């Protein structure tokens, strides 16, 4: 998901009654459980993860960030040796 680049307006009372706003980075999945499940979904043709990523040479880091910010790519992957895969 692309980053939010603007203020998030909240009405008074939005966070009452114990409500909170939180940010999750990388989720809280258990890799030993999640990876085999995602692999099985991919093998069944139900999780096209290869369509969610795009590789960029490290020199194109600004393009990778721009593509992520604009929603062109879900997961930009930087390749240090400069090759696109």
PDB file of N, CA and C in Angstrom:
ATOM      1  N   UNK A   1       0.844  -1.158   0.000  1.00  0.00           N
ATOM      2  CA  UNK A   1       0.000   0.000   0.000  1.00  0.00           C
ATOM      3  C   UNK A   1       0.894   1.227   0.000  1.00  0.00           C
ATOM      4  N   UNK A   2       0.561   2.194  -0.795  1.00  0.00           N
ATOM      5  CA  UNK A   2       1.341   3.426  -0.859  1.00  0.00           C
ATOM      6  C   UNK A   2       1.178   4.233   0.420  1.00  0.00           C
ATOM      7  N   UNK A   3       2.154   5.079   0.669  1.00  0.00           N
ATOM      8  CA  UNK A   3       2.125   5.919   1.858  1.00  0.00           C
ATOM      9  C   UNK A   3       1.075   7.012   1.732  1.00  0.00           C
ATOM     10  N   UNK A   4       0.574   7.453   2.878  1.00  0.00           N
ATOM     11  CA  UNK A   4      -0.358   8.570   2.931  1.00  0.00           C
ATOM     12  C   UNK A   4       0.461   9.838   3.045  1.00  0.00           C
ATOM     13  N   UNK A   5       0.348  10.739   2.074  1.00  0.00           N
ATOM     14  CA  UNK A   5       1.159  11.946   2.056  1.00  0.00           C
ATOM     15  C   UNK A   5       0.357  13.194   2.402  1.00  0.00           C
ATOM     16  N   UNK A   6      -0.609  13.034   3.253  1.00  0.00           N
ATOM     17  CA  UNK A   6      -1.389  14.176   3.674  1.00  0.00           C
ATOM     18  C   UNK A   6      -1.858  13.965   5.100  1.00  0.00           C
ATOM     19  N   UNK A   7      -2.404  14.995   5.681  1.00  0.00           N
ATOM     20  CA  UNK A   7      -2.897  14.920   7.040  1.00  0.00           C
ATOM     21  C   UNK A   7      -4.127  14.019   7.101  1.00  0.00           C
ATOM     22  N   UNK A   8      -4.222  13.247   8.164  1.00  0.00           N
ATOM     23  CA  UNK A   8      -5.381  12.397   8.382  1.00  0.00           C
ATOM     24  C   UNK A   8      -6.271  13.096   9.400  1.00  0.00           C
ATOM     25  N   UNK A   9      -7.325  13.763   8.938  1.00  0.00           N
ATOM     26  CA  UNK A   9      -8.182  14.503   9.869  1.00  0.00           C
ATOM     27  C   UNK A   9      -9.024  13.553  10.717  1.00  0.00           C
ATOM     28  N   UNK A  10      -9.100  13.850  11.998  1.00  0.00           N
ATOM     29  CA  UNK A  10      -9.917  13.049  12.912  1.00  0.00           C
ATOM     30  C   UNK A  10     -10.878  13.973  13.646  1.00  0.00           C
ATOM     31  N   UNK A  11     -12.133  13.555  13.722  1.00  0.00           N
ATOM     32  CA  UNK A  11     -13.117  14.312  14.476  1.00  0.00           C
ATOM     33  C   UNK A  11     -12.914  14.095  15.967  1.00  0.00           C
ATOM     34  N   UNK A  12     -13.318  15.085  16.752  1.00  0.00           N
ATOM     35  CA  UNK A  12     -13.270  14.952  18.201  1.00  0.00           C
ATOM     36  C   UNK A  12     -14.088  13.716  18.581  1.00  0.00           C
ATOM     37  N   UNK A  13     -13.538  12.909  19.454  1.00  0.00           N
ATOM     38  CA  UNK A  13     -14.236  11.704  19.889  1.00  0.00           C
ATOM     39  C   UNK A  13     -13.887  10.461  19.090  1.00  0.00           C
ATOM     40  N   UNK A  14     -13.094  10.618  18.024  1.00  0.00           N
ATOM     41  CA  UNK A  14     -12.742   9.471  17.205  1.00  0.00           C
ATOM     42  C   UNK A  14     -12.016   8.406  18.013  1.00  0.00           C
ATOM     43  N   UNK A  15     -11.192   8.853  18.942  1.00  0.00           N
ATOM     44  CA  UNK A  15     -10.390   7.901  19.705  1.00  0.00           C
ATOM     45  C   UNK A  15     -10.913   7.691  21.123  1.00  0.00           C
ATOM     46  N   UNK A  16     -12.192   7.956  21.324  1.00  0.00           N
ATOM     47  CA  UNK A  16     -12.732   7.721  22.665  1.00  0.00           C
ATOM     48  C   UNK A  16     -13.064   6.242  22.850  1.00  0.00           C
ATOM     49  N   UNK A  17     -13.455   5.872  24.009  1.00  0.00           N
ATOM     50  CA  UNK A  17     -13.821   4.498  24.356  1.00  0.00           C
ATOM     51  C   UNK A  17     -12.726   3.482  24.027  1.00  0.00           C
ATOM     52  N   UNK A  18     -11.484   3.872  24.244  1.00  0.00           N
ATOM     53  CA  UNK A  18     -10.377   2.934  24.079  1.00  0.00           C
ATOM     54  C   UNK A  18      -9.924   2.685  22.652  1.00  0.00           C
ATOM     55  N   UNK A  19     -10.438   3.410  21.703  1.00  0.00           N
ATOM     56  CA  UNK A  19     -10.018   3.228  20.314  1.00  0.00           C
ATOM     57  C   UNK A  19      -8.607   3.782  20.131  1.00  0.00           C
ATOM     58  N   UNK A  20      -7.857   3.166  19.247  1.00  0.00           N
ATOM     59  CA  UNK A  20      -6.491   3.615  18.966  1.00  0.00           C
ATOM     60  C   UNK A  20      -6.222   3.578  17.473  1.00  0.00           C
ATOM     61  N   UNK A  21      -5.179   4.261  17.080  1.00  0.00           N
ATOM     62  CA  UNK A  21      -4.668   4.202  15.715  1.00  0.00           C
ATOM     63  C   UNK A  21      -3.281   3.601  15.827  1.00  0.00           C
ATOM     64  N   UNK A  22      -2.984   2.626  14.982  1.00  0.00           N
ATOM     65  CA  UNK A  22      -1.665   2.018  15.016  1.00  0.00           C
ATOM     66  C   UNK A  22      -1.152   1.814  13.596  1.00  0.00           C
ATOM     67  N   UNK A  23       0.125   1.613  13.502  1.00  0.00           N
ATOM     68  CA  UNK A  23       0.784   1.387  12.224  1.00  0.00           C
ATOM     69  C   UNK A  23       1.449   0.018  12.292  1.00  0.00           C
ATOM     70  N   UNK A  24       1.282  -0.757  11.262  1.00  0.00           N
ATOM     71  CA  UNK A  24       1.898  -2.076  11.222  1.00  0.00           C
ATOM     72  C   UNK A  24       2.895  -2.093  10.069  1.00  0.00           C
ATOM     73  N   UNK A  25       4.114  -2.456  10.381  1.00  0.00           N
ATOM     74  CA  UNK A  25       5.155  -2.593   9.364  1.00  0.00           C
ATOM     75  C   UNK A  25       5.588  -4.052   9.337  1.00  0.00           C
ATOM     76  N   UNK A  26       5.423  -4.699   8.215  1.00  0.00           N
ATOM     77  CA  UNK A  26       5.764  -6.105   8.036  1.00  0.00           C
ATOM     78  C   UNK A  26       4.769  -7.055   8.707  1.00  0.00           C
ATOM     79  N   UNK A  27       3.747  -6.551   9.363  1.00  0.00           N
ATOM     80  CA  UNK A  27       2.742  -7.409   9.978  1.00  0.00           C
ATOM     81  C   UNK A  27       3.274  -8.175  11.171  1.00  0.00           C
ATOM     82  N   UNK A  28       2.456  -9.018  11.753  1.00  0.00           N
ATOM     83  CA  UNK A  28       2.931  -9.842  12.861  1.00  0.00           C
ATOM     84  C   UNK A  28       2.716 -11.310  12.543  1.00  0.00           C
ATOM     85  N   UNK A  29       2.995 -11.676  11.304  1.00  0.00           N
ATOM     86  CA  UNK A  29       2.863 -13.064  10.888  1.00  0.00           C
ATOM     87  C   UNK A  29       4.008 -13.903  11.447  1.00  0.00           C
ATOM     88  N   UNK A  30       3.759 -15.170  11.613  1.00  0.00           N
ATOM     89  CA  UNK A  30       4.787 -16.128  12.015  1.00  0.00           C
ATOM     90  C   UNK A  30       5.341 -16.735  10.723  1.00  0.00           C
ATOM     91  N   UNK A  31       6.580 -16.407  10.353  1.00  0.00           N
ATOM     92  CA  UNK A  31       7.105 -16.856   9.063  1.00  0.00           C
ATOM     93  C   UNK A  31       7.006 -18.360   8.835  1.00  0.00           C
ATOM     94  N   UNK A  32       7.227 -19.152   9.874  1.00  0.00           N
ATOM     95  CA  UNK A  32       7.164 -20.609   9.725  1.00  0.00           C
ATOM     96  C   UNK A  32       5.788 -21.118   9.341  1.00  0.00           C
ATOM     97  N   UNK A  33       4.760 -20.336   9.628  1.00  0.00           N
ATOM     98  CA  UNK A  33       3.390 -20.694   9.252  1.00  0.00           C
ATOM     99  C   UNK A  33       2.965 -19.995   7.966  1.00  0.00           C
ATOM    100  N   UNK A  34       3.320 -18.710   7.865  1.00  0.00           N
ATOM    101  CA  UNK A  34       2.862 -17.918   6.733  1.00  0.00           C
ATOM    102  C   UNK A  34       3.512 -18.327   5.415  1.00  0.00           C
ATOM    103  N   UNK A  35       4.818 -18.523   5.407  1.00  0.00           N
ATOM    104  CA  UNK A  35       5.523 -18.811   4.156  1.00  0.00           C
ATOM    105  C   UNK A  35       5.036 -20.108   3.511  1.00  0.00           C
ATOM    106  N   UNK A  36       4.900 -21.215   4.256  1.00  0.00           N
ATOM    107  CA  UNK A  36       4.349 -22.418   3.608  1.00  0.00           C
ATOM    108  C   UNK A  36       2.922 -22.208   3.087  1.00  0.00           C
ATOM    109  N   UNK A  37       2.119 -21.440   3.799  1.00  0.00           N
ATOM    110  CA  UNK A  37       0.748 -21.179   3.335  1.00  0.00           C
ATOM    111  C   UNK A  37       0.752 -20.359   2.052  1.00  0.00           C
ATOM    112  N   UNK A  38       1.571 -19.304   2.006  1.00  0.00           N
ATOM    113  CA  UNK A  38       1.647 -18.477   0.799  1.00  0.00           C
ATOM    114  C   UNK A  38       2.217 -19.270  -0.366  1.00  0.00           C
ATOM    115  N   UNK A  39       3.195 -20.127  -0.087  1.00  0.00           N
ATOM    116  CA  UNK A  39       3.770 -20.973  -1.136  1.00  0.00           C
ATOM    117  C   UNK A  39       2.710 -21.903  -1.722  1.00  0.00           C
ATOM    118  N   UNK A  40       1.915 -22.497  -0.858  1.00  0.00           N
ATOM    119  CA  UNK A  40       0.841 -23.384  -1.328  1.00  0.00           C
ATOM    120  C   UNK A  40      -0.183 -22.613  -2.158  1.00  0.00           C
ATOM    121  N   UNK A  41      -0.529 -21.416  -1.723  1.00  0.00           N
ATOM    122  CA  UNK A  41      -1.467 -20.593  -2.496  1.00  0.00           C
ATOM    123  C   UNK A  41      -0.883 -20.242  -3.856  1.00  0.00           C
ATOM    124  N   UNK A  42       0.405 -19.907  -3.885  1.00  0.00           N
ATOM    125  CA  UNK A  42       1.072 -19.580  -5.151  1.00  0.00           C
ATOM    126  C   UNK A  42       1.078 -20.795  -6.071  1.00  0.00           C
ATOM    127  N   UNK A  43       1.413 -21.969  -5.536  1.00  0.00           N
ATOM    128  CA  UNK A  43       1.441 -23.183  -6.343  1.00  0.00           C
ATOM    129  C   UNK A  43       0.055 -23.514  -6.894  1.00  0.00           C
ATOM    130  N   UNK A  44      -0.980 -23.156  -6.160  1.00  0.00           N
ATOM    131  CA  UNK A  44      -2.353 -23.398  -6.606  1.00  0.00           C
ATOM    132  C   UNK A  44      -2.843 -22.306  -7.558  1.00  0.00           C
ATOM    133  N   UNK A  45      -1.978 -21.329  -7.845  1.00  0.00           N
ATOM    134  CA  UNK A  45      -2.366 -20.245  -8.742  1.00  0.00           C
ATOM    135  C   UNK A  45      -3.269 -19.206  -8.104  1.00  0.00           C
ATOM    136  N   UNK A  46      -3.274 -19.146  -6.772  1.00  0.00           N
ATOM    137  CA  UNK A  46      -4.173 -18.235  -6.063  1.00  0.00           C
ATOM    138  C   UNK A  46      -3.463 -17.052  -5.422  1.00  0.00           C
ATOM    139  N   UNK A  47      -2.129 -16.978  -5.533  1.00  0.00           N
ATOM    140  CA  UNK A  47      -1.379 -15.864  -4.950  1.00  0.00           C
ATOM    141  C   UNK A  47      -0.235 -15.484  -5.892  1.00  0.00           C
ATOM    142  N   UNK A  48      -0.491 -14.571  -6.830  1.00  0.00           N
ATOM    143  CA  UNK A  48       0.517 -14.213  -7.834  1.00  0.00           C
ATOM    144  C   UNK A  48       1.537 -13.194  -7.299  1.00  0.00           C
ATOM    145  N   UNK A  49       2.315 -13.603  -6.279  1.00  0.00           N
ATOM    146  CA  UNK A  49       3.235 -12.660  -5.657  1.00  0.00           C
ATOM    147  C   UNK A  49       4.234 -12.087  -6.652  1.00  0.00           C
ATOM    148  N   UNK A  50       4.565 -12.861  -7.683  1.00  0.00           N
ATOM    149  CA  UNK A  50       5.518 -12.384  -8.670  1.00  0.00           C
ATOM    150  C   UNK A  50       4.991 -11.165  -9.437  1.00  0.00           C
ATOM    151  N   UNK A  51       3.685 -10.928  -9.394  1.00  0.00           N
ATOM    152  CA  UNK A  51       3.113  -9.740 -10.030  1.00  0.00           C
ATOM    153  C   UNK A  51       3.084  -8.538  -9.081  1.00  0.00           C
ATOM    154  N   UNK A  52       3.421  -8.756  -7.815  1.00  0.00           N
ATOM    155  CA  UNK A  52       3.391  -7.678  -6.827  1.00  0.00           C
ATOM    156  C   UNK A  52       4.733  -6.972  -6.684  1.00  0.00           C
ATOM    157  N   UNK A  53       5.814  -7.618  -7.167  1.00  0.00           N
ATOM    158  CA  UNK A  53       7.139  -7.030  -7.006  1.00  0.00           C
ATOM    159  C   UNK A  53       7.682  -6.551  -8.341  1.00  0.00           C
ATOM    160  N   UNK A  54       8.650  -5.660  -8.241  1.00  0.00           N
ATOM    161  CA  UNK A  54       9.399  -5.209  -9.406  1.00  0.00           C
ATOM    162  C   UNK A  54      10.800  -4.910  -8.918  1.00  0.00           C
ATOM    163  N   UNK A  55      11.791  -5.335  -9.671  1.00  0.00           N
ATOM    164  CA  UNK A  55      13.169  -5.085  -9.262  1.00  0.00           C
ATOM    165  C   UNK A  55      13.708  -3.822  -9.929  1.00  0.00           C
ATOM    166  N   UNK A  56      14.619  -3.178  -9.215  1.00  0.00           N
ATOM    167  CA  UNK A  56      15.265  -1.949  -9.681  1.00  0.00           C
ATOM    168  C   UNK A  56      16.741  -2.023  -9.330  1.00  0.00           C
ATOM    169  N   UNK A  57      17.611  -1.530 -10.214  1.00  0.00           N
ATOM    170  CA  UNK A  57      19.014  -1.384  -9.815  1.00  0.00           C
ATOM    171  C   UNK A  57      19.083  -0.374  -8.666  1.00  0.00           C
ATOM    172  N   UNK A  58      20.037  -0.536  -7.784  1.00  0.00           N
ATOM    173  CA  UNK A  58      20.168   0.362  -6.643  1.00  0.00           C
ATOM    174  C   UNK A  58      20.253   1.823  -7.081  1.00  0.00           C
ATOM    175  N   UNK A  59      20.859   2.059  -8.218  1.00  0.00           N
ATOM    176  CA  UNK A  59      20.976   3.437  -8.721  1.00  0.00           C
ATOM    177  C   UNK A  59      19.610   4.057  -9.020  1.00  0.00           C
ATOM    178  N   UNK A  60      18.580   3.231  -9.209  1.00  0.00           N
ATOM    179  CA  UNK A  60      17.232   3.728  -9.512  1.00  0.00           C
ATOM    180  C   UNK A  60      16.350   3.786  -8.265  1.00  0.00           C
ATOM    181  N   UNK A  61      16.950   3.980  -7.112  1.00  0.00           N
ATOM    182  CA  UNK A  61      16.202   3.994  -5.859  1.00  0.00           C
ATOM    183  C   UNK A  61      15.096   5.045  -5.850  1.00  0.00           C
ATOM    184  N   UNK A  62      15.352   6.199  -6.468  1.00  0.00           N
ATOM    185  CA  UNK A  62      14.327   7.251  -6.506  1.00  0.00           C
ATOM    186  C   UNK A  62      13.132   6.829  -7.360  1.00  0.00           C
ATOM    187  N   UNK A  63      13.395   6.162  -8.468  1.00  0.00           N
ATOM    188  CA  UNK A  63      12.300   5.655  -9.309  1.00  0.00           C
ATOM    189  C   UNK A  63      11.497   4.597  -8.553  1.00  0.00           C
ATOM    190  N   UNK A  64      12.194   3.731  -7.826  1.00  0.00           N
ATOM    191  CA  UNK A  64      11.516   2.686  -7.043  1.00  0.00           C
ATOM    192  C   UNK A  64      10.598   3.315  -6.001  1.00  0.00           C
ATOM    193  N   UNK A  65      11.096   4.332  -5.309  1.00  0.00           N
ATOM    194  CA  UNK A  65      10.268   4.998  -4.302  1.00  0.00           C
ATOM    195  C   UNK A  65       9.078   5.694  -4.954  1.00  0.00           C
ATOM    196  N   UNK A  66       9.307   6.361  -6.072  1.00  0.00           N
ATOM    197  CA  UNK A  66       8.220   7.047  -6.786  1.00  0.00           C
ATOM    198  C   UNK A  66       7.155   6.044  -7.233  1.00  0.00           C
ATOM    199  N   UNK A  67       7.584   4.907  -7.803  1.00  0.00           N
ATOM    200  CA  UNK A  67       6.633   3.897  -8.265  1.00  0.00           C
ATOM    201  C   UNK A  67       5.812   3.342  -7.103  1.00  0.00           C
ATOM    202  N   UNK A  68       6.439   3.195  -5.947  1.00  0.00           N
ATOM    203  CA  UNK A  68       5.711   2.721  -4.763  1.00  0.00           C
ATOM    204  C   UNK A  68       4.715   3.778  -4.295  1.00  0.00           C
ATOM    205  N   UNK A  69       5.166   5.017  -4.236  1.00  0.00           N
ATOM    206  CA  UNK A  69       4.295   6.112  -3.786  1.00  0.00           C
ATOM    207  C   UNK A  69       3.084   6.305  -4.685  1.00  0.00           C
ATOM    208  N   UNK A  70       3.256   6.067  -5.988  1.00  0.00           N
ATOM    209  CA  UNK A  70       2.160   6.281  -6.935  1.00  0.00           C
ATOM    210  C   UNK A  70       1.324   5.023  -7.156  1.00  0.00           C
ATOM    211  N   UNK A  71       1.703   3.918  -6.508  1.00  0.00           N
ATOM    212  CA  UNK A  71       0.929   2.689  -6.636  1.00  0.00           C
ATOM    213  C   UNK A  71       1.262   1.855  -7.857  1.00  0.00           C
ATOM    214  N   UNK A  72       2.316   2.225  -8.565  1.00  0.00           N
ATOM    215  CA  UNK A  72       2.707   1.460  -9.761  1.00  0.00           C
ATOM    216  C   UNK A  72       3.221   0.073  -9.389  1.00  0.00           C
ATOM    217  N   UNK A  73       3.803  -0.027  -8.203  1.00  0.00           N
ATOM    218  CA  UNK A  73       4.331  -1.303  -7.731  1.00  0.00           C
ATOM    219  C   UNK A  73       3.987  -1.443  -6.253  1.00  0.00           C
ATOM    220  N   UNK A  74       3.734  -2.666  -5.815  1.00  0.00           N
ATOM    221  CA  UNK A  74       3.423  -2.914  -4.406  1.00  0.00           C
ATOM    222  C   UNK A  74       4.710  -3.061  -3.610  1.00  0.00           C
ATOM    223  N   UNK A  75       5.677  -3.815  -4.142  1.00  0.00           N
ATOM    224  CA  UNK A  75       6.922  -4.071  -3.421  1.00  0.00           C
ATOM    225  C   UNK A  75       8.111  -3.845  -4.349  1.00  0.00           C
ATOM    226  N   UNK A  76       8.747  -2.664  -4.268  1.00  0.00           N
ATOM    227  CA  UNK A  76       9.956  -2.462  -5.055  1.00  0.00           C
ATOM    228  C   UNK A  76      11.129  -3.183  -4.383  1.00  0.00           C
ATOM    229  N   UNK A  77      11.923  -3.877  -5.181  1.00  0.00           N
ATOM    230  CA  UNK A  77      13.083  -4.613  -4.673  1.00  0.00           C
ATOM    231  C   UNK A  77      14.328  -4.041  -5.331  1.00  0.00           C
ATOM    232  N   UNK A  78      15.262  -3.562  -4.507  1.00  0.00           N
ATOM    233  CA  UNK A  78      16.503  -2.979  -5.019  1.00  0.00           C
ATOM    234  C   UNK A  78      17.562  -4.064  -5.168  1.00  0.00           C
ATOM    235  N   UNK A  79      18.224  -4.077  -6.335  1.00  0.00           N
ATOM    236  CA  UNK A  79      19.277  -5.046  -6.634  1.00  0.00           C
ATOM    237  C   UNK A  79      20.605  -4.300  -6.615  1.00  0.00           C
ATOM    238  N   UNK A  80      21.501  -4.630  -5.666  1.00  0.00           N
ATOM    239  CA  UNK A  80      22.755  -3.878  -5.512  1.00  0.00           C
ATOM    240  C   UNK A  80      23.658  -3.879  -6.742  1.00  0.00           C
ATOM    241  N   UNK A  81      23.696  -4.973  -7.507  1.00  0.00           N
ATOM    242  CA  UNK A  81      24.641  -5.018  -8.624  1.00  0.00           C
ATOM    243  C   UNK A  81      24.155  -4.299  -9.875  1.00  0.00           C
ATOM    244  N   UNK A  82      22.965  -3.736  -9.829  1.00  0.00           N
ATOM    245  CA  UNK A  82      22.471  -2.916 -10.926  1.00  0.00           C
ATOM    246  C   UNK A  82      21.708  -3.623 -12.010  1.00  0.00           C
ATOM    247  N   UNK A  83      21.489  -4.932 -11.882  1.00  0.00           N
ATOM    248  CA  UNK A  83      20.752  -5.653 -12.926  1.00  0.00           C
ATOM    249  C   UNK A  83      19.263  -5.650 -12.622  1.00  0.00           C
ATOM    250  N   UNK A  84      18.436  -5.480 -13.644  1.00  0.00           N
ATOM    251  CA  UNK A  84      16.988  -5.678 -13.514  1.00  0.00           C
ATOM    252  C   UNK A  84      16.714  -7.143 -13.765  1.00  0.00           C
ATOM    253  N   UNK A  85      15.844  -7.712 -12.977  1.00  0.00           N
ATOM    254  CA  UNK A  85      15.488  -9.117 -13.158  1.00  0.00           C
ATOM    255  C   UNK A  85      14.079  -9.240 -13.665  1.00  0.00           C
TER     256      UNK A  85
END
